Amino acid sequence: MSSDAHGATVPAAHGLHHPYHLVNPSPWPIVGALGGFCTVLGIIFAAHFGSYVMLVIGAVLVLGTMFFWWRDVVKESRTPGLHTPVVRLGLRYGMIFFICSEVMFFVAFFWAYFNFALFPDVQGNGQTVWPPSTIHTFDPFHVPILNTMILLLSGTTVTWAHHCLLERDRKGLVWGLGLTVLLGMSFTLCQAIEYSNAPFKFYGGGVYPSTFFLATGFHGFHVIVGTCFLIVCWFRARAGHFTPERHFGFEAAAWYWHFVDVVWLFLFSCIYWWGASAVVAS
């Protein structure tokens, strides 16, 4: 190993004269782009013509790209000399900016919700109350408060897992991740039950159901993604991939999971509790 002009460690054994990892040619960027195109085109075909073939093809390509590309990244992280300190710093910046983009994604949903909540007559339809008088909202202290407790507990278990990793307690790490995954699945199950008993539907119910299901539904999708992220970390933890010094894959999953927790707290406070109508569904 040697150092460059900036003091960064350079893996001289691999013939590199800089601290950066130049990846090998990969088919996954073009395959992922094709999958994204097919997915969007498939949504259009499904909505207008009732054909789901293109959508299925796009989903398979996207999921396959995710699996094989991340598999390659895991292999790179396990190869000595590739993920240098500068590379790991870049990965951290990338994850931070990704989460920031997700924050703005949810800002758009909250903006839409509060636009109608604070100015109910913005469409000029004579509506002066929010939620609309025809909407019976969920009881915030029924399933929503249960899901809040589940997510808060999952944030505790993933933090416990991180602490165990730093203390070289591999058994505690695996247990903590396993419990977090189970809690994430429990949240998804409870939300599915909640949706199945919803007193209003996504379609034909006006702007309130649209903003409600978009905000809470996309959060639920993020919970599913985070759960998959943690499942991969669970398998990697069992395989001994993480060390106290090098475990960014787990760290990124934990950051993402805490982000999901915080978004849910805003959803519960603003939409379920503050936005509850005088009459709520039992």
Foldseek 3Di string as FASTA:
>chain_A
DDADPVRFDAPCVVVDPDLAADDDDDPLVVLLVVLVVLLVVQVVCCVPPVDNPSNVSSVVSNVVSVVVVVVVVLVQLVDPRHCTPVNVVVVVVVLVVVLVVVVVVLVVLVVLVVVCQVPVCPVVPPQDHFPGPVAAAAQLPPLVVVLLVLLVVLLVLLVQLLVCQLVVNLVSVLVSLVSSLVSLVVSLVSVVVCQVPHPDDCPPPPDLSVSLCVNVVVLNVLSVVLSVLSVVVSVCSVVVSGHSVDDVSSVSSSVSSVSSSVSSVCCSVVCNPVRGDPHHDD
